[in-house]
Structure formats: structure tokens, C-alpha cells
C-alpha atoms as a PDB file:
ATOM      1  CA  MET A   1      88.599 141.572 131.833  1.00  0.00           C
ATOM      2  CA  SER A   2      85.040 141.616 132.891  1.00  0.00           C
ATOM      3  CA  LEU A   3      82.336 139.458 131.383  1.00  0.00           C
ATOM      4  CA  ARG A   4      81.091 142.534 129.480  1.00  0.00           C
ATOM      5  CA  ASP A   5      84.290 143.755 128.237  1.00  0.00           C
ATOM      6  CA  TYR A   6      84.986 140.065 127.118  1.00  0.00           C
ATOM      7  CA  LEU A   7      81.908 139.949 125.095  1.00  0.00           C
ATOM      8  CA  HIS A   8      82.486 143.261 123.548  1.00  0.00           C
ATOM      9  CA  PHE A   9      86.140 142.314 122.514  1.00  0.00           C
ATOM     10  CA  ILE A  10      84.589 138.991 121.131  1.00  0.00           C
ATOM     11  CA  ALA A  11      82.005 140.700 119.178  1.00  0.00           C
ATOM     12  CA  ARG A  12      84.565 142.884 117.524  1.00  0.00           C
ATOM     13  CA  CYS A  13      87.207 140.529 117.193  1.00  0.00           C
ATOM     14  CA  PRO A  14      88.883 140.609 113.555  1.00  0.00           C
ATOM     15  CA  SER A  15      90.399 137.148 113.515  1.00  0.00           C
ATOM     16  CA  ILE A  16      89.973 133.482 114.937  1.00  0.00           C
ATOM     17  CA  GLU A  17      93.700 133.972 116.584  1.00  0.00           C
ATOM     18  CA  GLU A  18      92.838 136.810 118.490  1.00  0.00           C
ATOM     19  CA  LEU A  19      89.692 135.498 119.720  1.00  0.00           C
ATOM     20  CA  TRP A  20      91.123 132.218 120.705  1.00  0.00           C
ATOM     21  CA  ASP A  21      93.875 133.740 122.661  1.00  0.00           C
ATOM     22  CA  ALA A  22      91.388 135.951 124.487  1.00  0.00           C
ATOM     23  CA  HIS A  23      89.288 132.854 125.321  1.00  0.00           C
ATOM     24  CA  LEU A  24      92.109 130.911 126.578  1.00  0.00           C
ATOM     25  CA  ASP A  25      93.110 133.509 128.864  1.00  0.00           C
ATOM     26  CA  LYS A  26      89.582 133.987 130.099  1.00  0.00           C
ATOM     27  CA  MET A  27      88.962 130.509 130.576  1.00  0.00           C
ATOM     28  CA  ALA A  28      91.993 129.821 132.564  1.00  0.00           C
ATOM     29  CA  GLY A  29      90.695 132.357 134.959  1.00  0.00           C
ATOM     30  CA  TYR A  30      88.154 129.677 136.018  1.00  0.00           C
ATOM     31  CA  GLY A  31      90.811 127.146 136.146  1.00  0.00           C
ATOM     32  CA  PHE A  32      90.491 125.611 132.686  1.00  0.00           C
ATOM     33  CA  ASP A  33      93.963 125.620 131.327  1.00  0.00           C
ATOM     34  CA  ARG A  34      93.526 123.434 128.244  1.00  0.00           C
ATOM     35  CA  LEU A  35      90.833 123.811 125.711  1.00  0.00           C
ATOM     36  CA  ILE A  36      89.935 121.809 122.466  1.00  0.00           C
ATOM     37  CA  TYR A  37      87.230 123.489 120.172  1.00  0.00           C
ATOM     38  CA  GLY A  38      86.096 121.287 117.221  1.00  0.00           C
ATOM     39  CA  PHE A  39      83.343 122.356 114.317  1.00  0.00           C
ATOM     40  CA  THR A  40      82.379 120.220 111.416  1.00  0.00           C
ATOM     41  CA  ARG A  41      79.794 120.992 108.437  1.00  0.00           C
ATOM     42  CA  TYR A  42      80.113 117.783 107.004  1.00  0.00           C
ATOM     43  CA  ARG A  43      78.685 115.324 109.471  1.00  0.00           C
ATOM     44  CA  THR A  44      76.703 112.374 107.978  1.00  0.00           C
ATOM     45  CA  SER A  45      75.038 109.419 109.837  1.00  0.00           C
ATOM     46  CA  THR A  46      78.182 107.377 109.814  1.00  0.00           C
ATOM     47  CA  SER A  47      80.904 110.040 110.047  1.00  0.00           C
ATOM     48  CA  LEU A  48      82.091 113.568 111.249  1.00  0.00           C
ATOM     49  CA  GLY A  49      83.757 114.227 107.864  1.00  0.00           C
ATOM     50  CA  ASP A  50      87.267 114.799 106.960  1.00  0.00           C
ATOM     51  CA  PRO A  51      89.238 115.789 109.953  1.00  0.00           C
ATOM     52  CA  GLU A  52      91.092 118.037 107.698  1.00  0.00           C
ATOM     53  CA  ASP A  53      87.969 120.236 107.232  1.00  0.00           C
ATOM     54  CA  PHE A  54      87.352 120.389 110.821  1.00  0.00           C
ATOM     55  CA  VAL A  55      87.792 123.787 112.531  1.00  0.00           C
ATOM     56  CA  ILE A  56      90.082 122.726 115.295  1.00  0.00           C
ATOM     57  CA  LEU A  57      91.446 125.210 117.956  1.00  0.00           C
ATOM     58  CA  THR A  58      93.416 124.074 120.902  1.00  0.00           C
ATOM     59  CA  ASN A  59      96.164 124.603 123.362  1.00  0.00           C
ATOM     60  CA  HIS A  60      96.844 120.899 124.000  1.00  0.00           C
ATOM     61  CA  SER A  61     100.388 119.706 123.478  1.00  0.00           C
ATOM     62  CA  ARG A  62     101.214 118.241 120.114  1.00  0.00           C
ATOM     63  CA  ALA A  63     101.676 114.821 121.962  1.00  0.00           C
ATOM     64  CA  TYR A  64      98.062 114.961 122.674  1.00  0.00           C
ATOM     65  CA  THR A  65      96.726 116.383 119.533  1.00  0.00           C
ATOM     66  CA  ASP A  66      98.852 113.891 117.384  1.00  0.00           C
ATOM     67  CA  GLU A  67      96.964 110.880 119.292  1.00  0.00           C
ATOM     68  CA  PHE A  68      93.527 112.240 120.189  1.00  0.00           C
ATOM     69  CA  ILE A  69      92.693 114.003 116.737  1.00  0.00           C
ATOM     70  CA  THR A  70      95.242 112.989 114.209  1.00  0.00           C
ATOM     71  CA  GLY A  71      95.285 109.314 115.510  1.00  0.00           C
ATOM     72  CA  GLY A  72      91.416 109.185 115.579  1.00  0.00           C
ATOM     73  CA  LEU A  73      90.850 108.661 119.251  1.00  0.00           C
ATOM     74  CA  TYR A  74      88.392 111.483 119.304  1.00  0.00           C
ATOM     75  CA  TYR A  75      85.877 109.107 117.687  1.00  0.00           C
ATOM     76  CA  HIS A  76      85.706 106.810 120.569  1.00  0.00           C
ATOM     77  CA  ALA A  77      85.519 109.504 123.103  1.00  0.00           C
ATOM     78  CA  PRO A  78      82.476 109.333 125.404  1.00  0.00           C
ATOM     79  CA  MET A  79      82.194 112.924 125.665  1.00  0.00           C
ATOM     80  CA  VAL A  80      82.302 113.395 121.927  1.00  0.00           C
ATOM     81  CA  HIS A  81      79.632 110.946 121.786  1.00  0.00           C
ATOM     82  CA  TRP A  82      77.384 112.948 124.429  1.00  0.00           C
ATOM     83  CA  ALA A  83      78.290 116.107 122.524  1.00  0.00           C
ATOM     84  CA  LEU A  84      77.072 114.644 119.257  1.00  0.00           C
ATOM     85  CA  ALA A  85      73.810 113.629 121.047  1.00  0.00           C
ATOM     86  CA  ASN A  86      73.009 116.619 123.145  1.00  0.00           C
ATOM     87  CA  ASP A  87      73.356 120.183 123.427  1.00  0.00           C
ATOM     88  CA  GLY A  88      74.471 122.333 126.775  1.00  0.00           C
ATOM     89  CA  ALA A  89      76.987 121.842 129.065  1.00  0.00           C
ATOM     90  CA  CYS A  90      77.995 118.342 130.830  1.00  0.00           C
ATOM     91  CA  SER A  91      80.318 117.594 133.789  1.00  0.00           C
ATOM     92  CA  TRP A  92      83.006 115.074 133.218  1.00  0.00           C
ATOM     93  CA  THR A  93      81.457 113.301 136.426  1.00  0.00           C
ATOM     94  CA  VAL A  94      79.422 111.349 133.748  1.00  0.00           C
ATOM     95  CA  LEU A  95      82.852 109.619 132.995  1.00  0.00           C
ATOM     96  CA  HIS A  96      83.807 108.919 136.580  1.00  0.00           C
ATOM     97  CA  ASP A  97      80.190 107.131 136.745  1.00  0.00           C
ATOM     98  CA  MET A  98      80.574 105.354 133.696  1.00  0.00           C
ATOM     99  CA  ALA A  99      83.775 104.022 134.859  1.00  0.00           C
ATOM    100  CA  ARG A 100      82.523 102.910 138.333  1.00  0.00           C
ATOM    101  CA  GLU A 101      79.461 101.016 136.610  1.00  0.00           C
ATOM    102  CA  ARG A 102      81.787  99.606 133.995  1.00  0.00           C
ATOM    103  CA  ALA A 103      79.518 101.071 131.308  1.00  0.00           C
ATOM    104  CA  MET A 104      82.296 101.884 128.777  1.00  0.00           C
ATOM    105  CA  THR A 105      83.375 100.024 125.816  1.00  0.00           C
ATOM    106  CA  PRO A 106      86.812  98.874 125.374  1.00  0.00           C
ATOM    107  CA  ALA A 107      87.576 101.520 122.863  1.00  0.00           C
ATOM    108  CA  GLU A 108      86.171 104.368 125.415  1.00  0.00           C
ATOM    109  CA  GLU A 109      88.500 102.876 128.051  1.00  0.00           C
ATOM    110  CA  ARG A 110      91.317 103.456 125.732  1.00  0.00           C
ATOM    111  CA  VAL A 111      90.487 106.931 125.368  1.00  0.00           C
ATOM    112  CA  VAL A 112      90.045 107.535 129.317  1.00  0.00           C
ATOM    113  CA  ASP A 113      93.195 105.946 129.973  1.00  0.00           C
ATOM    114  CA  PHE A 114      94.971 107.939 127.364  1.00  0.00           C
ATOM    115  CA  ASN A 115      93.484 111.217 128.869  1.00  0.00           C
ATOM    116  CA  ARG A 116      94.674 109.935 132.296  1.00  0.00           C
ATOM    117  CA  ARG A 117      98.200 109.649 130.945  1.00  0.00           C
ATOM    118  CA  MET A 118      98.053 113.067 129.588  1.00  0.00           C
ATOM    119  CA  GLN A 119      96.805 114.574 132.946  1.00  0.00           C
ATOM    120  CA  VAL A 120      93.217 115.271 131.664  1.00  0.00           C
ATOM    121  CA  PHE A 121      91.161 114.605 134.608  1.00  0.00           C
ATOM    122  CA  ALA A 122      88.417 116.644 135.221  1.00  0.00           C
ATOM    123  CA  GLY A 123      86.377 119.267 133.347  1.00  0.00           C
ATOM    124  CA  TYR A 124      83.289 120.241 131.358  1.00  0.00           C
ATOM    125  CA  THR A 125      82.111 119.551 127.794  1.00  0.00           C
ATOM    126  CA  VAL A 126      79.846 122.289 125.987  1.00  0.00           C
ATOM    127  CA  SER A 127      77.988 121.042 123.109  1.00  0.00           C
ATOM    128  CA  PHE A 128      76.614 124.054 120.698  1.00  0.00           C
ATOM    129  CA  LYS A 129      73.020 123.740 119.347  1.00  0.00           C
ATOM    130  CA  SER A 130      72.902 123.197 115.430  1.00  0.00           C
ATOM    131  CA  ILE A 131      70.162 124.158 113.180  1.00  0.00           C
ATOM    132  CA  SER A 132      71.821 121.630 110.402  1.00  0.00           C
ATOM    133  CA  ALA A 133      72.118 117.899 110.568  1.00  0.00           C
ATOM    134  CA  ARG A 134      75.436 118.095 108.746  1.00  0.00           C
ATOM    135  CA  SER A 135      77.048 120.553 111.430  1.00  0.00           C
ATOM    136  CA  LYS A 136      78.050 120.154 114.934  1.00  0.00           C
ATOM    137  CA  GLY A 137      80.572 122.032 117.357  1.00  0.00           C
ATOM    138  CA  ALA A 138      81.542 121.413 120.993  1.00  0.00           C
ATOM    139  CA  ILE A 139      84.571 122.395 123.270  1.00  0.00           C
ATOM    140  CA  ALA A 140      86.127 120.550 125.884  1.00  0.00           C
ATOM    141  CA  LEU A 141      87.214 122.534 128.967  1.00  0.00           C
ATOM    142  CA  THR A 142      89.971 120.928 130.691  1.00  0.00           C
ATOM    143  CA  ALA A 143      90.724 121.824 134.315  1.00  0.00           C
ATOM    144  CA  ARG A 144      94.265 122.070 135.679  1.00  0.00           C
ATOM    145  CA  ALA A 145      95.693 118.911 136.458  1.00  0.00           C
ATOM    146  CA  ASP A 146      95.611 119.826 140.290  1.00  0.00           C
ATOM    147  CA  ILE A 147      91.992 120.494 140.213  1.00  0.00           C
ATOM    148  CA  SER A 148      89.554 117.630 140.917  1.00  0.00           C
ATOM    149  CA  GLN A 149      86.045 117.251 139.463  1.00  0.00           C
ATOM    150  CA  ALA A 150      84.295 118.196 142.432  1.00  0.00           C
ATOM    151  CA  GLU A 151      86.308 121.397 142.673  1.00  0.00           C
ATOM    152  CA  ILE A 152      85.581 122.310 139.029  1.00  0.00           C
ATOM    153  CA  ASP A 153      81.790 121.322 139.539  1.00  0.00           C
ATOM    154  CA  ASP A 154      82.043 123.972 142.679  1.00  0.00           C
ATOM    155  CA  VAL A 155      83.203 126.518 140.095  1.00  0.00           C
ATOM    156  CA  TRP A 156      80.630 125.409 137.592  1.00  0.00           C
ATOM    157  CA  ALA A 157      77.890 125.858 140.173  1.00  0.00           C
ATOM    158  CA  GLU A 158      79.143 129.656 140.681  1.00  0.00           C
ATOM    159  CA  HIS A 159      80.019 130.695 137.272  1.00  0.00           C
ATOM    160  CA  GLY A 160      78.763 128.040 134.964  1.00  0.00           C
ATOM    161  CA  ASN A 161      76.098 130.199 133.445  1.00  0.00           C
ATOM    162  CA  ASP A 162      78.597 132.817 132.514  1.00  0.00           C
ATOM    163  CA  ILE A 163      81.103 130.467 131.190  1.00  0.00           C
ATOM    164  CA  LYS A 164      78.714 128.687 128.962  1.00  0.00           C
ATOM    165  CA  LEU A 165      77.438 132.147 127.666  1.00  0.00           C
ATOM    166  CA  MET A 166      81.085 133.161 126.814  1.00  0.00           C
ATOM    167  CA  ASN A 167      81.699 129.908 125.053  1.00  0.00           C
ATOM    168  CA  ASP A 168      78.414 130.195 122.952  1.00  0.00           C
ATOM    169  CA  ILE A 169      79.103 133.560 121.959  1.00  0.00           C
ATOM    170  CA  ALA A 170      82.919 132.693 121.155  1.00  0.00           C
ATOM    171  CA  HIS A 171      81.510 129.660 118.922  1.00  0.00           C
ATOM    172  CA  LEU A 172      79.083 131.762 117.158  1.00  0.00           C
ATOM    173  CA  LYS A 173      81.699 134.305 116.340  1.00  0.00           C
ATOM    174  CA  ILE A 174      83.918 131.837 115.113  1.00  0.00           C
ATOM    175  CA  LEU A 175      81.614 130.709 112.472  1.00  0.00           C
ATOM    176  CA  THR A 176      81.752 134.151 110.958  1.00  0.00           C
ATOM    177  CA  LEU A 177      85.493 134.503 110.769  1.00  0.00           C
ATOM    178  CA  PRO A 178      87.799 133.314 107.920  1.00  0.00           C
ATOM    179  CA  TYR A 179      89.422 129.940 108.689  1.00  0.00           C
ATOM    180  CA  THR A 180      91.779 128.088 106.604  1.00  0.00           C
ATOM    181  CA  ALA A 181      92.464 124.451 107.415  1.00  0.00           C
ATOM    182  CA  PRO A 182      95.855 123.057 107.019  1.00  0.00           C
ATOM    183  CA  ASN A 183      96.478 122.224 103.163  1.00  0.00           C
ATOM    184  CA  ARG A 184      93.185 123.741 102.314  1.00  0.00           C
ATOM    185  CA  GLY A 185      94.386 127.331 101.511  1.00  0.00           C
ATOM    186  CA  LEU A 186      93.578 129.254  98.227  1.00  0.00           C
ATOM    187  CA  THR A 187      95.355 131.651  96.218  1.00  0.00           C
ATOM    188  CA  ASN A 188      94.076 135.208  95.652  1.00  0.00           C
ATOM    189  CA  ARG A 189      93.424 134.202  92.050  1.00  0.00           C
ATOM    190  CA  GLN A 190      91.714 130.965  92.946  1.00  0.00           C
ATOM    191  CA  ARG A 191      89.469 133.031  95.498  1.00  0.00           C
ATOM    192  CA  GLU A 192      88.672 135.346  92.676  1.00  0.00           C
ATOM    193  CA  ALA A 193      87.781 132.791  90.412  1.00  0.00           C
ATOM    194  CA  LEU A 194      85.358 130.967  92.713  1.00  0.00           C
ATOM    195  CA  GLU A 195      83.607 134.108  93.548  1.00  0.00           C
ATOM    196  CA  TRP A 196      82.979 135.083  90.060  1.00  0.00           C
ATOM    197  CA  VAL A 197      81.612 131.369  89.541  1.00  0.00           C
ATOM    198  CA  GLY A 198      79.523 131.981  92.716  1.00  0.00           C
ATOM    199  CA  ASP A 199      78.026 135.023  91.035  1.00  0.00           C
ATOM    200  CA  GLY A 200      77.012 133.149  88.231  1.00  0.00           C
ATOM    201  CA  LYS A 201      79.485 134.104  85.618  1.00  0.00           C
ATOM    202  CA  THR A 202      80.354 132.052  82.712  1.00  0.00           C
ATOM    203  CA  MET A 203      83.819 130.958  81.860  1.00  0.00           C
ATOM    204  CA  GLN A 204      84.063 133.285  79.195  1.00  0.00           C
ATOM    205  CA  ASP A 205      82.861 136.265  81.210  1.00  0.00           C
ATOM    206  CA  ILE A 206      85.514 135.260  84.046  1.00  0.00           C
ATOM    207  CA  ALA A 207      88.239 135.078  81.662  1.00  0.00           C
ATOM    208  CA  ILE A 208      87.188 138.812  80.584  1.00  0.00           C
ATOM    209  CA  LEU A 209      86.870 140.010  84.147  1.00  0.00           C
ATOM    210  CA  MET A 210      90.179 138.514  85.387  1.00  0.00           C
ATOM    211  CA  GLY A 211      92.176 139.589  82.113  1.00  0.00           C
ATOM    212  CA  LEU A 212      93.059 135.914  81.700  1.00  0.00           C
ATOM    213  CA  THR A 213      92.410 133.181  79.055  1.00  0.00           C
ATOM    214  CA  SER A 214      89.760 130.525  79.675  1.00  0.00           C
ATOM    215  CA  ALA A 215      92.147 127.924  79.936  1.00  0.00           C
ATOM    216  CA  THR A 216      94.128 129.988  82.745  1.00  0.00           C
ATOM    217  CA  VAL A 217      90.702 130.498  84.404  1.00  0.00           C
ATOM    218  CA  GLU A 218      90.052 126.722  84.305  1.00  0.00           C
ATOM    219  CA  LYS A 219      93.418 125.992  85.777  1.00  0.00           C
ATOM    220  CA  HIS A 220      92.768 128.115  88.775  1.00  0.00           C
ATOM    221  CA  LEU A 221      89.407 126.495  89.254  1.00  0.00           C
ATOM    222  CA  ARG A 222      90.945 123.222  88.917  1.00  0.00           C
ATOM    223  CA  LEU A 223      93.854 124.178  91.750  1.00  0.00           C
ATOM    224  CA  ALA A 224      91.103 125.496  93.754  1.00  0.00           C
ATOM    225  CA  ARG A 225      89.193 122.141  93.635  1.00  0.00           C
ATOM    226  CA  GLU A 226      92.353 120.061  94.349  1.00  0.00           C
ATOM    227  CA  ALA A 227      93.106 122.309  97.454  1.00  0.00           C
ATOM    228  CA  LEU A 228      89.862 121.999  98.884  1.00  0.00           C
ATOM    229  CA  ALA A 229      89.534 118.251  98.151  1.00  0.00           C
ATOM    230  CA  VAL A 230      86.387 118.436  95.909  1.00  0.00           C
ATOM    231  CA  ASP A 231      85.424 116.930  92.496  1.00  0.00           C
ATOM    232  CA  THR A 232      83.311 119.920  91.192  1.00  0.00           C
ATOM    233  CA  THR A 233      83.516 123.484  91.213  1.00  0.00           C
ATOM    234  CA  ALA A 234      80.153 123.938  92.839  1.00  0.00           C
ATOM    235  CA  GLN A 235      81.360 121.835  95.667  1.00  0.00           C
ATOM    236  CA  ALA A 236      84.579 124.067  95.890  1.00  0.00           C
ATOM    237  CA  VAL A 237      82.384 127.462  95.881  1.00  0.00           C
ATOM    238  CA  LEU A 238      80.260 125.930  98.681  1.00  0.00           C
ATOM    239  CA  LYS A 239      83.199 124.638 100.704  1.00  0.00           C
ATOM    240  CA  ALA A 240      85.162 128.125 100.497  1.00  0.00           C
ATOM    241  CA  SER A 241      81.886 129.774 101.564  1.00  0.00           C
ATOM    242  CA  PHE A 242      81.653 127.487 104.509  1.00  0.00           C
ATOM    243  CA  ALA A 243      85.071 128.641 105.378  1.00  0.00           C
ATOM    244  CA  ASN A 244      84.846 132.285 104.808  1.00  0.00           C
ATOM    245  CA  GLN A 245      87.563 132.382 102.415  1.00  0.00           C
ATOM    246  CA  ILE A 246      85.654 133.851  99.604  1.00  0.00           C
ATOM    247  CA  PHE A 247      83.396 136.924  99.448  1.00  0.00           C
ATOM    248  CA  VAL A 248      85.226 138.319 102.519  1.00  0.00           C
ATOM    249  CA  LEU A 249      86.130 141.833 103.014  1.00  0.00           C
ATOM    250  CA  ASP A 250      89.653 142.511 103.936  1.00  0.00           C
ATOM    251  CA  ALA A 251      90.326 144.234 107.203  1.00  0.00           C
END
């Protein structure tokens, strides 16, 4: 698939799953065979938010993600720290420089050692520009285990502008597509009730519009709050909107 064909496909892609499959295939053509994309809208000065609310896309093995994501290693990863402080693309050469200069903390060294055990040796990180202090997205492009950092740097020198463009466009498209995090899904009735709340309807109005009792409407809203792990219905509307789970046209 040419660059133009890829961009046309991504621009019209109807789902994250189809986009991700196409992106994996395209990046593999440049030698990046393992990718991990992450995005949060819930960043604070001390946290990236609840990991269950992250948008995470990856083709890394379960053994890798169980420790890196679920186990919380990502929080100490040097390239995650770089991505949070910067925009653009960065060669993992900086990791080799930090190791040589003994500039890593013990926690960062544990992440690097883990990556080496998992044959994550070389690659690039792309950090996406954000207009909100609460949001941040980045993607780690891991080169095949048989490719050195110097070799992937040569690939980047020739194709880096195109690779970064494709990742930027894929990221922007992902933000427009519905995404349901594990254990964060809503039923059709829960979505409908939240949409009416978002439109400013009262409980009585929603009951009439949905053909339900007010008590049943409140039950759907309570279950929506529980599913989205929030305390108020206003928070539920906001979180569901962020994830494009409400006010979405069916394909």
C-alpha cells in the first residue's frame, strides 16, 4: 500500500480494529514489528489516570503487556518519561546513551532490563502534540529483534518523515473512533439515557422519551456510572463522550 493509499484508507476507516491492522502492516514494512500505542485524557500532575481508562493498542505478547502495562512498569519507562515531556520523534539511541553514562534510576534500569529480556532492543518513540494538559498520546515502534538501533536509525533517516506523518494521522483518526475499554462498556439503554442527559432532559422527560419509569431510567444511569467508574452522571456523560460511546452514528 502506497503512502497515499494508506492515508486514504486511514481517513475513511470505520473502526479502530481495521485501522490498527492496517497500521501494523504498514509499520512492519519499515522493520517495526511490535507497536504499542497509548492515550489518556485523565492525566494529572501526579498520575496518567486509571490504566483501565487508557486507550491501549498493541501487538506485543501477553507476557510483555502483563508486566509492562498491568504490572505498571510503563510508569518508570525512560521513553514514557520522554514522551510526557516532549512532542515529536525520538530514537532509542538516548537509552543507550543513558545506560553508558549511568544516568538511569534503578527503576528505569529495571524497565530496560525487562525490555532486553523480551527482545525489545531498538526502535523509536513518537509523542503526539496535545492541546490539553489532561491528555497525552504516544506510540512506541519496536524494531525486529534482528535489527540494530544503527540500522533502524538509517531507515528513519530515509523514511522518518513519512513514518511520523502516518503515525500522526493514525493517532488523530483514533481519537474520532468509538473505543470501549475493558470493563467500561455500556448497554444500548445506558447509552440512550446518557445521551438524553447530555441533551439537558429532565428525569421525567427521559422516562417519557424512553417509555420507561423514572426509577428504571435512574437504574440505567446508575449502572452506566458503575460501568464507567465515575461518581456522577455528569462525569459519565463526559467520559462516554471522550470514548465516542454516545452520540455516535451507526455505520
